[in-house]
């Protein structure tokens, strides 16, 4: 085999196929063993590029940094706000039934409906704006829309990651994730969707980081 080909082959990066687990080239379009497309790309995997999306994680990626996993708040986080909105809506309907033709009643109903709409909208924006991502270098977290909380933890600095799931959380696949960094710094995040998979992805990147070191 010509020397240039040997050099290229030696420099070729290998990763495990996400489907069959065998080592394949990171440049392979399909796995030569099981045929799965983009075999080394994990769910939600992206790389930093000028064309990256406008979400927080994409804007935060450094050159060459790759996202291996993404998740967000679980839909159950919407329930408290929706419950308040439903109670307000029921109160508005009750007022209309008791005094349908009174001007003060109509004003009160309009105010209650506006309140319910604002509560539902705030909870929805909180849900859709949440971002949790695991890259090959960091754990990226962003919560909130108006009042934003963003956290970046280097994978190499993560000492432990604990998942706490109540009975309902195990049934619906949500829970609290507690990440402890070097120095004992603890960050807790409630009602995260698929928390066990998030932990597995962080642990996988910790192992990969140690292997690179």
N, C-alpha and C. Protein backbone atom coordinates (compact mmCIF):
# COMPACT_ATOMS: atom_id res chain seq x y z
N UNK A 1 0.86 -1.20 0.00
CA UNK A 1 0.00 0.00 0.00
C UNK A 1 0.88 1.24 0.00
N UNK A 2 0.57 2.25 -0.83
CA UNK A 2 1.40 3.45 -0.88
C UNK A 2 1.46 4.12 0.48
N UNK A 3 2.59 4.80 0.73
CA UNK A 3 2.81 5.46 2.01
C UNK A 3 1.76 6.50 2.34
N UNK A 4 1.34 7.38 1.39
CA UNK A 4 0.31 8.37 1.72
C UNK A 4 -0.98 7.72 2.22
N UNK A 5 -1.35 6.59 1.61
CA UNK A 5 -2.57 5.92 2.04
C UNK A 5 -2.44 5.41 3.46
N UNK A 6 -1.23 4.89 3.79
CA UNK A 6 -1.00 4.43 5.15
C UNK A 6 -1.11 5.56 6.15
N UNK A 7 -0.57 6.72 5.79
CA UNK A 7 -0.63 7.89 6.69
C UNK A 7 -2.07 8.32 6.93
N UNK A 8 -2.85 8.32 5.84
CA UNK A 8 -4.25 8.73 5.97
C UNK A 8 -5.02 7.76 6.84
N UNK A 9 -4.72 6.45 6.64
CA UNK A 9 -5.43 5.44 7.41
C UNK A 9 -5.08 5.53 8.88
N UNK A 10 -3.79 5.83 9.17
CA UNK A 10 -3.36 5.93 10.56
C UNK A 10 -3.99 7.12 11.26
N UNK A 11 -4.23 8.19 10.45
CA UNK A 11 -4.78 9.41 11.05
C UNK A 11 -6.29 9.37 11.16
N UNK A 12 -6.91 8.34 10.58
CA UNK A 12 -8.36 8.26 10.57
C UNK A 12 -8.90 8.02 11.98
N UNK A 13 -9.84 8.86 12.40
CA UNK A 13 -10.42 8.72 13.74
C UNK A 13 -11.50 7.65 13.72
N UNK A 14 -11.52 6.84 14.77
CA UNK A 14 -12.50 5.77 14.89
C UNK A 14 -13.37 5.99 16.11
N UNK A 15 -14.65 5.70 15.97
CA UNK A 15 -15.59 5.71 17.09
C UNK A 15 -16.51 4.52 16.95
N UNK A 16 -17.18 4.19 18.06
CA UNK A 16 -18.11 3.06 18.03
C UNK A 16 -19.40 3.44 17.32
N UNK A 17 -19.89 2.53 16.51
CA UNK A 17 -21.18 2.72 15.84
C UNK A 17 -22.28 2.75 16.90
N UNK A 18 -23.19 3.70 16.79
CA UNK A 18 -24.25 3.83 17.79
C UNK A 18 -25.23 2.66 17.76
N UNK A 19 -25.22 1.89 16.65
CA UNK A 19 -26.16 0.79 16.51
C UNK A 19 -25.55 -0.56 16.89
N UNK A 20 -24.40 -0.89 16.27
CA UNK A 20 -23.83 -2.22 16.50
C UNK A 20 -22.64 -2.21 17.45
N UNK A 21 -22.08 -1.01 17.75
CA UNK A 21 -21.00 -0.90 18.71
C UNK A 21 -19.62 -1.20 18.17
N UNK A 22 -19.48 -1.45 16.87
CA UNK A 22 -18.17 -1.73 16.30
C UNK A 22 -17.47 -0.44 15.90
N UNK A 23 -16.13 -0.47 15.87
CA UNK A 23 -15.35 0.71 15.54
C UNK A 23 -15.44 1.01 14.05
N UNK A 24 -15.84 2.25 13.73
CA UNK A 24 -15.92 2.68 12.34
C UNK A 24 -15.33 4.08 12.23
N UNK A 25 -15.02 4.50 11.03
CA UNK A 25 -14.47 5.83 10.80
C UNK A 25 -15.51 6.90 11.10
N UNK A 26 -15.06 8.00 11.70
CA UNK A 26 -15.97 9.11 11.97
C UNK A 26 -16.43 9.78 10.68
N UNK A 27 -15.75 9.49 9.57
CA UNK A 27 -16.12 10.07 8.28
C UNK A 27 -17.03 9.16 7.47
N UNK A 28 -17.34 7.97 7.99
CA UNK A 28 -18.16 7.01 7.25
C UNK A 28 -19.59 7.51 7.14
N UNK A 29 -20.15 7.43 5.92
CA UNK A 29 -21.54 7.83 5.71
C UNK A 29 -22.49 6.78 6.25
N UNK A 30 -22.11 5.51 6.17
CA UNK A 30 -22.90 4.41 6.72
C UNK A 30 -21.96 3.42 7.40
N UNK A 31 -22.49 2.67 8.34
CA UNK A 31 -21.69 1.65 9.03
C UNK A 31 -21.47 0.47 8.09
N UNK A 32 -20.22 0.04 7.88
CA UNK A 32 -19.97 -1.09 6.98
C UNK A 32 -20.45 -2.42 7.56
N UNK A 33 -20.80 -2.45 8.85
CA UNK A 33 -21.22 -3.69 9.49
C UNK A 33 -22.74 -3.83 9.55
N UNK A 34 -23.43 -2.73 9.96
CA UNK A 34 -24.88 -2.84 10.12
C UNK A 34 -25.66 -1.94 9.17
N UNK A 35 -24.95 -1.01 8.48
CA UNK A 35 -25.59 -0.18 7.48
C UNK A 35 -26.30 1.05 7.99
N UNK A 36 -26.24 1.34 9.31
CA UNK A 36 -26.92 2.51 9.84
C UNK A 36 -26.26 3.79 9.30
N UNK A 37 -27.05 4.79 8.88
CA UNK A 37 -26.45 6.03 8.37
C UNK A 37 -25.80 6.84 9.49
N UNK A 38 -24.72 7.55 9.17
CA UNK A 38 -23.98 8.40 10.11
C UNK A 38 -23.76 7.64 11.42
N UNK A 39 -23.01 6.55 11.38
CA UNK A 39 -22.93 5.64 12.53
C UNK A 39 -22.33 6.23 13.79
N UNK A 40 -21.45 7.24 13.67
CA UNK A 40 -20.81 7.79 14.87
C UNK A 40 -21.53 9.02 15.40
N UNK A 41 -22.62 9.42 14.76
CA UNK A 41 -23.36 10.60 15.20
C UNK A 41 -24.40 10.20 16.21
N UNK A 42 -24.31 10.77 17.41
CA UNK A 42 -25.29 10.47 18.45
C UNK A 42 -26.54 11.32 18.25
N UNK A 43 -27.61 10.99 18.96
CA UNK A 43 -28.87 11.71 18.82
C UNK A 43 -28.68 13.18 19.13
N UNK A 44 -29.11 14.00 18.19
CA UNK A 44 -29.00 15.44 18.38
C UNK A 44 -27.60 15.97 18.19
N UNK A 45 -26.66 15.17 17.64
CA UNK A 45 -25.28 15.61 17.52
C UNK A 45 -25.13 16.68 16.47
N UNK A 46 -24.38 17.73 16.80
CA UNK A 46 -24.09 18.81 15.87
C UNK A 46 -22.69 19.30 16.13
N UNK A 47 -22.15 20.05 15.20
CA UNK A 47 -20.83 20.65 15.37
C UNK A 47 -20.94 22.14 15.21
N UNK A 48 -20.02 22.86 15.81
CA UNK A 48 -20.02 24.31 15.68
C UNK A 48 -19.71 24.68 14.25
N UNK A 49 -20.46 25.61 13.68
CA UNK A 49 -20.23 26.08 12.33
C UNK A 49 -20.95 27.40 12.15
N UNK A 50 -20.59 28.18 11.11
CA UNK A 50 -21.27 29.44 10.89
C UNK A 50 -22.76 29.27 10.65
N UNK A 51 -23.15 28.07 10.17
CA UNK A 51 -24.56 27.84 9.87
C UNK A 51 -25.33 27.25 11.04
N UNK A 52 -24.69 27.17 12.19
CA UNK A 52 -25.35 26.57 13.35
C UNK A 52 -26.59 27.36 13.72
N UNK A 53 -27.53 26.69 14.42
CA UNK A 53 -28.78 27.34 14.79
C UNK A 53 -28.57 28.50 15.74
N UNK A 54 -29.64 29.20 16.02
CA UNK A 54 -29.55 30.39 16.85
C UNK A 54 -29.86 30.09 18.31
N UNK A 55 -30.02 28.83 18.68
CA UNK A 55 -30.29 28.50 20.07
C UNK A 55 -29.03 28.71 20.90
N UNK A 56 -29.21 28.72 22.21
CA UNK A 56 -28.10 29.01 23.12
C UNK A 56 -26.93 28.06 22.94
N UNK A 57 -27.22 26.76 22.87
CA UNK A 57 -26.14 25.77 22.76
C UNK A 57 -25.34 25.97 21.49
N UNK A 58 -26.02 26.15 20.37
CA UNK A 58 -25.32 26.34 19.10
C UNK A 58 -24.45 27.59 19.10
N UNK A 59 -24.93 28.65 19.73
CA UNK A 59 -24.15 29.89 19.79
C UNK A 59 -22.94 29.75 20.71
N UNK A 60 -23.02 28.83 21.68
CA UNK A 60 -21.97 28.70 22.68
C UNK A 60 -20.86 27.74 22.25
N UNK A 61 -21.12 26.89 21.27
CA UNK A 61 -20.11 25.92 20.85
C UNK A 61 -18.84 26.59 20.37
N UNK A 62 -17.70 26.03 20.76
CA UNK A 62 -16.42 26.51 20.27
C UNK A 62 -16.06 25.75 19.00
N UNK A 63 -15.03 26.20 18.32
CA UNK A 63 -14.62 25.58 17.06
C UNK A 63 -14.27 24.11 17.27
N UNK A 64 -14.93 23.23 16.51
CA UNK A 64 -14.66 21.81 16.60
C UNK A 64 -15.40 21.08 17.70
N UNK A 65 -16.08 21.83 18.58
CA UNK A 65 -16.81 21.19 19.68
C UNK A 65 -18.09 20.56 19.13
N UNK A 66 -18.38 19.37 19.61
CA UNK A 66 -19.51 18.61 19.07
C UNK A 66 -20.51 18.24 20.16
N UNK A 67 -21.79 18.43 19.84
CA UNK A 67 -22.85 18.07 20.77
C UNK A 67 -23.20 16.60 20.59
N UNK A 68 -23.18 15.85 21.69
CA UNK A 68 -23.50 14.43 21.64
C UNK A 68 -24.91 14.13 22.13
N UNK A 69 -25.49 15.05 22.89
CA UNK A 69 -26.83 14.78 23.43
C UNK A 69 -27.51 16.09 23.81
N UNK A 70 -28.81 16.13 23.58
CA UNK A 70 -29.64 17.28 23.99
C UNK A 70 -30.90 16.78 24.67
N UNK A 71 -31.37 17.55 25.64
CA UNK A 71 -32.67 17.30 26.23
C UNK A 71 -33.22 18.63 26.74
N UNK A 72 -34.36 18.60 27.40
CA UNK A 72 -34.97 19.83 27.91
C UNK A 72 -35.81 19.49 29.13
N UNK A 73 -36.53 20.47 29.63
CA UNK A 73 -37.46 20.20 30.72
C UNK A 73 -38.54 19.24 30.25
N UNK A 74 -39.04 18.44 31.17
CA UNK A 74 -40.13 17.52 30.85
C UNK A 74 -41.44 18.31 30.74
N UNK A 75 -42.37 17.79 29.95
CA UNK A 75 -43.64 18.50 29.78
C UNK A 75 -44.42 18.63 31.09
N UNK A 76 -44.10 17.80 32.07
CA UNK A 76 -44.82 17.90 33.34
C UNK A 76 -44.54 19.23 34.04
N UNK A 77 -43.46 19.90 33.67
CA UNK A 77 -43.16 21.21 34.25
C UNK A 77 -44.20 22.25 33.86
N UNK A 78 -45.00 21.96 32.83
CA UNK A 78 -46.05 22.88 32.40
C UNK A 78 -47.29 22.81 33.28
N UNK A 79 -47.46 21.71 34.01
CA UNK A 79 -48.72 21.47 34.70
C UNK A 79 -49.10 22.52 35.75
N UNK A 80 -48.18 22.99 36.63
CA UNK A 80 -48.60 23.99 37.62
C UNK A 80 -49.18 25.25 36.99
N UNK A 81 -48.50 25.77 35.98
CA UNK A 81 -49.01 26.97 35.31
C UNK A 81 -50.32 26.73 34.60
N UNK A 82 -50.44 25.56 33.96
CA UNK A 82 -51.69 25.24 33.26
C UNK A 82 -52.83 25.03 34.24
N UNK A 83 -52.52 24.50 35.42
CA UNK A 83 -53.56 24.31 36.44
C UNK A 83 -54.09 25.66 36.91
N UNK A 84 -53.18 26.62 37.14
CA UNK A 84 -53.61 27.96 37.55
C UNK A 84 -54.46 28.61 36.46
N UNK A 85 -54.02 28.45 35.20
CA UNK A 85 -54.77 29.01 34.08
C UNK A 85 -56.16 28.37 33.98
N UNK A 86 -56.24 27.06 34.23
CA UNK A 86 -57.53 26.37 34.16
C UNK A 86 -58.47 26.85 35.26
N UNK A 87 -57.93 27.07 36.47
CA UNK A 87 -58.76 27.58 37.57
C UNK A 87 -59.28 28.97 37.25
N UNK A 88 -58.40 29.80 36.68
CA UNK A 88 -58.81 31.16 36.30
C UNK A 88 -59.90 31.11 35.23
N UNK A 89 -59.75 30.20 34.28
CA UNK A 89 -60.76 30.07 33.23
C UNK A 89 -62.09 29.61 33.80
N UNK A 90 -62.04 28.68 34.75
CA UNK A 90 -63.28 28.21 35.39
C UNK A 90 -63.96 29.34 36.16
N UNK A 91 -63.15 30.18 36.82
CA UNK A 91 -63.72 31.33 37.54
C UNK A 91 -64.39 32.30 36.58
N UNK A 92 -63.76 32.52 35.42
CA UNK A 92 -64.35 33.42 34.43
C UNK A 92 -65.68 32.88 33.91
N UNK A 93 -65.74 31.59 33.67
CA UNK A 93 -66.99 30.98 33.19
C UNK A 93 -68.08 31.08 34.26
N UNK A 94 -67.70 30.87 35.52
CA UNK A 94 -68.67 30.96 36.62
C UNK A 94 -69.24 32.37 36.72
N UNK A 95 -68.39 33.38 36.56
CA UNK A 95 -68.87 34.77 36.61
C UNK A 95 -69.86 35.05 35.49
N UNK A 96 -69.56 34.53 34.30
CA UNK A 96 -70.45 34.76 33.16
C UNK A 96 -71.81 34.09 33.38
N UNK A 97 -71.79 32.94 34.02
CA UNK A 97 -73.04 32.22 34.27
C UNK A 97 -73.88 32.95 35.33
N UNK A 98 -73.21 33.47 36.38
CA UNK A 98 -73.93 34.10 37.49
C UNK A 98 -74.43 35.50 37.14
N UNK A 99 -73.63 36.25 36.38
CA UNK A 99 -74.04 37.62 36.04
C UNK A 99 -73.59 37.94 34.63
N UNK A 100 -74.24 37.37 33.63
CA UNK A 100 -73.77 37.50 32.25
C UNK A 100 -73.89 38.89 31.65
N UNK A 101 -74.82 39.71 32.13
CA UNK A 101 -75.07 41.00 31.48
C UNK A 101 -74.50 42.19 32.24
N UNK A 102 -73.77 41.95 33.31
CA UNK A 102 -73.23 43.05 34.12
C UNK A 102 -71.87 43.47 33.54
N UNK A 103 -71.72 44.79 33.36
CA UNK A 103 -70.47 45.31 32.77
C UNK A 103 -69.27 44.97 33.63
N UNK A 104 -69.42 45.10 34.94
CA UNK A 104 -68.31 44.79 35.84
C UNK A 104 -67.89 43.33 35.71
N UNK A 105 -68.88 42.48 35.48
CA UNK A 105 -68.57 41.05 35.30
C UNK A 105 -67.75 40.83 34.04
N UNK A 106 -68.13 41.50 32.96
CA UNK A 106 -67.39 41.35 31.71
C UNK A 106 -65.96 41.84 31.84
N UNK A 107 -65.78 42.94 32.57
CA UNK A 107 -64.43 43.46 32.79
C UNK A 107 -63.61 42.46 33.62
N UNK A 108 -64.24 41.92 34.66
CA UNK A 108 -63.55 40.95 35.51
C UNK A 108 -63.18 39.69 34.73
N UNK A 109 -64.10 39.24 33.88
CA UNK A 109 -63.83 38.05 33.06
C UNK A 109 -62.66 38.30 32.11
N UNK A 110 -62.65 39.49 31.49
CA UNK A 110 -61.55 39.83 30.58
C UNK A 110 -60.21 39.84 31.32
N UNK A 111 -60.22 40.40 32.53
CA UNK A 111 -58.98 40.45 33.33
C UNK A 111 -58.52 39.05 33.71
N UNK A 112 -59.47 38.20 34.09
CA UNK A 112 -59.12 36.83 34.48
C UNK A 112 -58.57 36.05 33.29
N UNK A 113 -59.21 36.21 32.13
CA UNK A 113 -58.74 35.51 30.94
C UNK A 113 -57.34 35.98 30.53
N UNK A 114 -57.10 37.28 30.67
CA UNK A 114 -55.77 37.81 30.37
C UNK A 114 -54.73 37.23 31.32
N UNK A 115 -55.09 37.15 32.60
CA UNK A 115 -54.19 36.56 33.60
C UNK A 115 -53.89 35.10 33.25
N UNK A 116 -54.92 34.34 32.89
CA UNK A 116 -54.73 32.93 32.54
C UNK A 116 -53.82 32.78 31.32
N UNK A 117 -54.02 33.66 30.34
CA UNK A 117 -53.20 33.61 29.13
C UNK A 117 -51.73 33.92 29.44
N UNK A 118 -51.50 34.91 30.29
CA UNK A 118 -50.12 35.27 30.66
C UNK A 118 -49.44 34.13 31.40
N UNK A 119 -50.15 33.52 32.34
CA UNK A 119 -49.58 32.41 33.11
C UNK A 119 -49.20 31.26 32.18
N UNK A 120 -50.12 30.89 31.28
CA UNK A 120 -49.86 29.79 30.35
C UNK A 120 -48.70 30.11 29.42
N UNK A 121 -48.63 31.36 28.95
CA UNK A 121 -47.56 31.76 28.04
C UNK A 121 -46.20 31.74 28.73
N UNK A 122 -46.15 32.22 29.97
CA UNK A 122 -44.89 32.23 30.71
C UNK A 122 -44.37 30.81 30.91
N UNK A 123 -45.26 29.90 31.30
CA UNK A 123 -44.85 28.51 31.51
C UNK A 123 -44.40 27.86 30.21
N UNK A 124 -45.08 28.17 29.13
CA UNK A 124 -44.71 27.60 27.83
C UNK A 124 -43.34 28.10 27.39
N UNK A 125 -43.09 29.40 27.54
CA UNK A 125 -41.80 29.96 27.15
C UNK A 125 -40.67 29.39 28.00
N UNK A 126 -40.95 29.17 29.28
CA UNK A 126 -39.96 28.55 30.16
C UNK A 126 -39.63 27.15 29.68
N UNK A 127 -40.65 26.43 29.24
CA UNK A 127 -40.45 25.06 28.76
C UNK A 127 -39.65 25.02 27.46
N UNK A 128 -40.07 25.79 26.46
CA UNK A 128 -39.43 25.70 25.15
C UNK A 128 -38.04 26.33 25.13
N UNK A 129 -37.75 27.22 26.08
CA UNK A 129 -36.44 27.88 26.08
C UNK A 129 -35.40 27.12 26.89
N UNK A 130 -35.80 26.04 27.56
CA UNK A 130 -34.83 25.27 28.34
C UNK A 130 -33.94 24.46 27.40
N UNK A 131 -32.66 24.40 27.72
CA UNK A 131 -31.71 23.64 26.91
C UNK A 131 -30.71 22.94 27.82
N UNK A 132 -30.52 21.66 27.57
CA UNK A 132 -29.51 20.87 28.26
C UNK A 132 -28.74 20.12 27.18
N UNK A 133 -27.43 20.26 27.17
CA UNK A 133 -26.63 19.61 26.14
C UNK A 133 -25.33 19.08 26.73
N UNK A 134 -24.89 17.95 26.17
CA UNK A 134 -23.61 17.36 26.54
C UNK A 134 -22.73 17.36 25.30
N UNK A 135 -21.60 18.05 25.37
CA UNK A 135 -20.65 18.06 24.27
C UNK A 135 -19.45 17.21 24.65
N UNK A 136 -18.47 17.14 23.76
CA UNK A 136 -17.27 16.39 24.08
C UNK A 136 -16.36 17.13 25.05
N UNK A 137 -16.75 18.35 25.44
CA UNK A 137 -15.92 19.13 26.36
C UNK A 137 -16.68 19.68 27.56
N UNK A 138 -18.00 19.93 27.40
CA UNK A 138 -18.74 20.62 28.44
C UNK A 138 -20.16 20.09 28.60
N UNK A 139 -20.74 20.43 29.75
CA UNK A 139 -22.18 20.27 29.96
C UNK A 139 -22.76 21.68 29.93
N UNK A 140 -23.66 21.93 28.99
CA UNK A 140 -24.24 23.26 28.80
C UNK A 140 -25.70 23.25 29.22
N UNK A 141 -26.08 24.23 30.03
CA UNK A 141 -27.44 24.29 30.55
C UNK A 141 -27.94 25.74 30.48
N UNK A 142 -29.15 25.90 29.98
CA UNK A 142 -29.77 27.23 29.96
C UNK A 142 -31.23 27.10 30.33
N UNK A 143 -31.65 27.88 31.32
CA UNK A 143 -33.03 27.89 31.78
C UNK A 143 -33.56 29.31 31.77
N UNK A 144 -34.83 29.45 31.50
CA UNK A 144 -35.45 30.77 31.56
C UNK A 144 -35.40 31.50 30.24
N UNK A 145 -36.32 32.45 30.10
CA UNK A 145 -36.41 33.25 28.88
C UNK A 145 -36.15 34.71 29.20
N UNK A 146 -36.95 35.29 30.09
CA UNK A 146 -36.71 36.67 30.50
C UNK A 146 -35.59 36.71 31.54
N UNK A 147 -35.75 35.91 32.57
CA UNK A 147 -34.70 35.78 33.58
C UNK A 147 -33.92 34.50 33.28
N UNK A 148 -32.76 34.65 32.69
CA UNK A 148 -32.01 33.50 32.21
C UNK A 148 -30.99 33.02 33.23
N UNK A 149 -30.88 31.70 33.32
CA UNK A 149 -29.84 31.07 34.13
C UNK A 149 -29.06 30.12 33.22
N UNK A 150 -27.79 30.40 33.01
CA UNK A 150 -26.98 29.56 32.13
C UNK A 150 -25.75 29.07 32.90
N UNK A 151 -25.43 27.80 32.69
CA UNK A 151 -24.33 27.16 33.40
C UNK A 151 -23.52 26.34 32.39
N UNK A 152 -22.21 26.43 32.50
CA UNK A 152 -21.31 25.63 31.67
C UNK A 152 -20.32 24.93 32.59
N UNK A 153 -20.28 23.61 32.51
CA UNK A 153 -19.39 22.82 33.35
C UNK A 153 -18.48 21.98 32.46
N UNK A 154 -17.19 22.11 32.65
CA UNK A 154 -16.25 21.30 31.88
C UNK A 154 -16.43 19.83 32.26
N UNK A 155 -16.46 18.96 31.26
CA UNK A 155 -16.61 17.53 31.52
C UNK A 155 -15.52 17.04 32.46
N UNK A 156 -14.31 17.55 32.28
CA UNK A 156 -13.19 17.11 33.12
C UNK A 156 -13.35 17.53 34.57
N UNK A 157 -14.24 18.50 34.85
CA UNK A 157 -14.43 18.99 36.21
C UNK A 157 -15.62 18.35 36.91
N UNK A 158 -16.35 17.48 36.22
CA UNK A 158 -17.51 16.83 36.83
C UNK A 158 -17.04 15.68 37.71
N UNK A 159 -17.37 15.74 38.99
CA UNK A 159 -16.99 14.67 39.92
C UNK A 159 -18.08 13.61 40.04
N UNK A 160 -19.34 14.04 40.01
CA UNK A 160 -20.44 13.07 40.09
C UNK A 160 -21.69 13.68 39.50
N UNK A 161 -22.59 12.81 39.07
CA UNK A 161 -23.89 13.25 38.57
C UNK A 161 -24.94 12.27 39.11
N UNK A 162 -25.89 12.81 39.86
CA UNK A 162 -26.88 11.98 40.56
C UNK A 162 -28.26 12.27 39.99
N UNK A 163 -29.05 11.22 39.82
CA UNK A 163 -30.43 11.35 39.33
C UNK A 163 -31.39 10.90 40.43
N UNK A 164 -32.37 11.74 40.72
CA UNK A 164 -33.40 11.41 41.71
C UNK A 164 -34.75 11.42 41.00
N UNK A 165 -35.43 10.27 40.98
CA UNK A 165 -36.72 10.16 40.32
C UNK A 165 -37.79 9.67 41.29
N UNK A 166 -38.89 10.41 41.44
CA UNK A 166 -40.02 9.88 42.21
C UNK A 166 -40.69 8.77 41.41
N UNK A 167 -41.69 8.14 42.00
CA UNK A 167 -42.39 7.04 41.32
C UNK A 167 -42.98 7.52 40.00
N UNK A 168 -43.66 8.67 40.03
CA UNK A 168 -44.24 9.21 38.79
C UNK A 168 -43.14 9.57 37.79
N UNK A 169 -42.00 10.03 38.30
CA UNK A 169 -40.89 10.36 37.42
C UNK A 169 -40.35 9.15 36.69
N UNK A 170 -40.32 8.00 37.36
CA UNK A 170 -39.87 6.78 36.69
C UNK A 170 -40.87 6.34 35.62
N UNK A 171 -42.15 6.57 35.89
CA UNK A 171 -43.17 6.19 34.91
C UNK A 171 -43.16 7.10 33.69
N UNK A 172 -42.97 8.40 33.92
CA UNK A 172 -43.03 9.38 32.83
C UNK A 172 -41.66 9.82 32.34
N UNK A 173 -40.60 9.28 32.93
CA UNK A 173 -39.22 9.55 32.51
C UNK A 173 -38.81 11.01 32.72
N UNK A 174 -38.90 11.45 33.97
CA UNK A 174 -38.35 12.76 34.33
C UNK A 174 -37.77 12.65 35.74
N UNK A 175 -36.98 13.64 36.12
CA UNK A 175 -36.39 13.61 37.46
C UNK A 175 -35.48 14.79 37.69
N UNK A 176 -34.86 14.79 38.87
CA UNK A 176 -33.92 15.84 39.26
C UNK A 176 -32.50 15.35 39.00
N UNK A 177 -31.71 16.20 38.37
CA UNK A 177 -30.31 15.88 38.09
C UNK A 177 -29.44 16.81 38.93
N UNK A 178 -28.53 16.22 39.70
CA UNK A 178 -27.60 16.99 40.54
C UNK A 178 -26.19 16.74 40.04
N UNK A 179 -25.53 17.80 39.58
CA UNK A 179 -24.16 17.69 39.09
C UNK A 179 -23.22 18.31 40.12
N UNK A 180 -22.23 17.54 40.54
CA UNK A 180 -21.23 18.03 41.49
C UNK A 180 -19.90 18.19 40.77
N UNK A 181 -19.35 19.40 40.85
CA UNK A 181 -18.07 19.68 40.22
C UNK A 181 -16.93 19.64 41.22
N UNK A 182 -15.73 19.85 40.73
CA UNK A 182 -14.58 19.87 41.61
C UNK A 182 -14.73 20.98 42.64
N UNK A 183 -14.33 20.69 43.86
CA UNK A 183 -14.50 21.66 44.93
C UNK A 183 -15.82 21.53 45.64
N UNK A 184 -16.65 20.56 45.22
CA UNK A 184 -17.93 20.33 45.89
C UNK A 184 -19.07 21.20 45.42
N UNK A 185 -18.89 21.95 44.33
CA UNK A 185 -19.96 22.79 43.80
C UNK A 185 -21.09 21.91 43.26
N UNK A 186 -22.33 22.15 43.75
CA UNK A 186 -23.47 21.34 43.35
C UNK A 186 -24.48 22.19 42.59
N UNK A 187 -24.96 21.65 41.48
CA UNK A 187 -26.01 22.30 40.69
C UNK A 187 -27.14 21.30 40.51
N UNK A 188 -28.35 21.67 40.95
CA UNK A 188 -29.50 20.78 40.86
C UNK A 188 -30.51 21.34 39.85
N UNK A 189 -31.08 20.44 39.05
CA UNK A 189 -32.05 20.83 38.03
C UNK A 189 -33.24 19.87 38.11
N UNK A 190 -34.42 20.45 38.28
CA UNK A 190 -35.64 19.66 38.50
C UNK A 190 -36.39 19.41 37.20
N UNK A 191 -37.14 18.32 37.18
CA UNK A 191 -38.08 17.98 36.10
C UNK A 191 -37.40 17.94 34.73
N UNK A 192 -36.26 17.26 34.68
CA UNK A 192 -35.52 17.10 33.43
C UNK A 192 -36.04 15.87 32.70
N UNK A 193 -36.26 15.99 31.40
CA UNK A 193 -36.69 14.84 30.61
C UNK A 193 -35.53 13.88 30.40
N UNK A 194 -35.81 12.58 30.47
CA UNK A 194 -34.82 11.51 30.26
C UNK A 194 -33.55 11.75 31.08
N UNK A 195 -33.65 11.88 32.40
CA UNK A 195 -32.47 12.21 33.21
C UNK A 195 -31.42 11.10 33.24
N UNK A 196 -31.84 9.83 33.16
CA UNK A 196 -30.88 8.74 33.18
C UNK A 196 -30.00 8.74 31.93
N UNK A 197 -30.61 9.05 30.80
CA UNK A 197 -29.83 9.11 29.56
C UNK A 197 -28.87 10.30 29.60
N UNK A 198 -29.31 11.41 30.19
CA UNK A 198 -28.42 12.55 30.35
C UNK A 198 -27.20 12.16 31.18
N UNK A 199 -27.44 11.44 32.28
CA UNK A 199 -26.32 11.00 33.12
C UNK A 199 -25.38 10.07 32.36
N UNK A 200 -25.95 9.14 31.59
CA UNK A 200 -25.12 8.22 30.82
C UNK A 200 -24.25 8.95 29.81
N UNK A 201 -24.82 9.98 29.19
CA UNK A 201 -24.06 10.74 28.19
C UNK A 201 -22.92 11.52 28.85
N UNK A 202 -23.19 12.10 30.01
CA UNK A 202 -22.13 12.82 30.72
C UNK A 202 -21.03 11.85 31.13
N UNK A 203 -21.40 10.70 31.66
CA UNK A 203 -20.42 9.71 32.08
C UNK A 203 -19.59 9.21 30.89
N UNK A 204 -20.24 9.04 29.74
CA UNK A 204 -19.52 8.59 28.55
C UNK A 204 -18.47 9.62 28.13
N UNK A 205 -18.82 10.90 28.22
CA UNK A 205 -17.86 11.94 27.84
C UNK A 205 -16.74 12.08 28.87
N UNK A 206 -17.04 11.79 30.14
CA UNK A 206 -15.99 11.80 31.16
C UNK A 206 -14.96 10.71 30.85
N UNK A 207 -15.45 9.52 30.50
CA UNK A 207 -14.55 8.42 30.14
C UNK A 207 -13.73 8.78 28.91
N UNK A 208 -14.40 9.37 27.90
CA UNK A 208 -13.69 9.75 26.68
C UNK A 208 -12.63 10.82 26.97
N UNK A 209 -12.96 11.76 27.85
CA UNK A 209 -12.00 12.81 28.22
C UNK A 209 -10.78 12.22 28.90
N UNK A 210 -10.99 11.27 29.78
CA UNK A 210 -9.86 10.62 30.46
C UNK A 210 -9.01 9.83 29.47
N UNK A 211 -9.68 9.24 28.46
CA UNK A 211 -8.94 8.51 27.45
C UNK A 211 -8.07 9.42 26.61
N UNK A 212 -8.60 10.63 26.32
CA UNK A 212 -7.81 11.59 25.54
C UNK A 212 -6.65 12.13 26.36
N UNK A 213 -6.85 12.19 27.71
CA UNK A 213 -5.79 12.71 28.57
C UNK A 213 -4.67 11.73 28.77
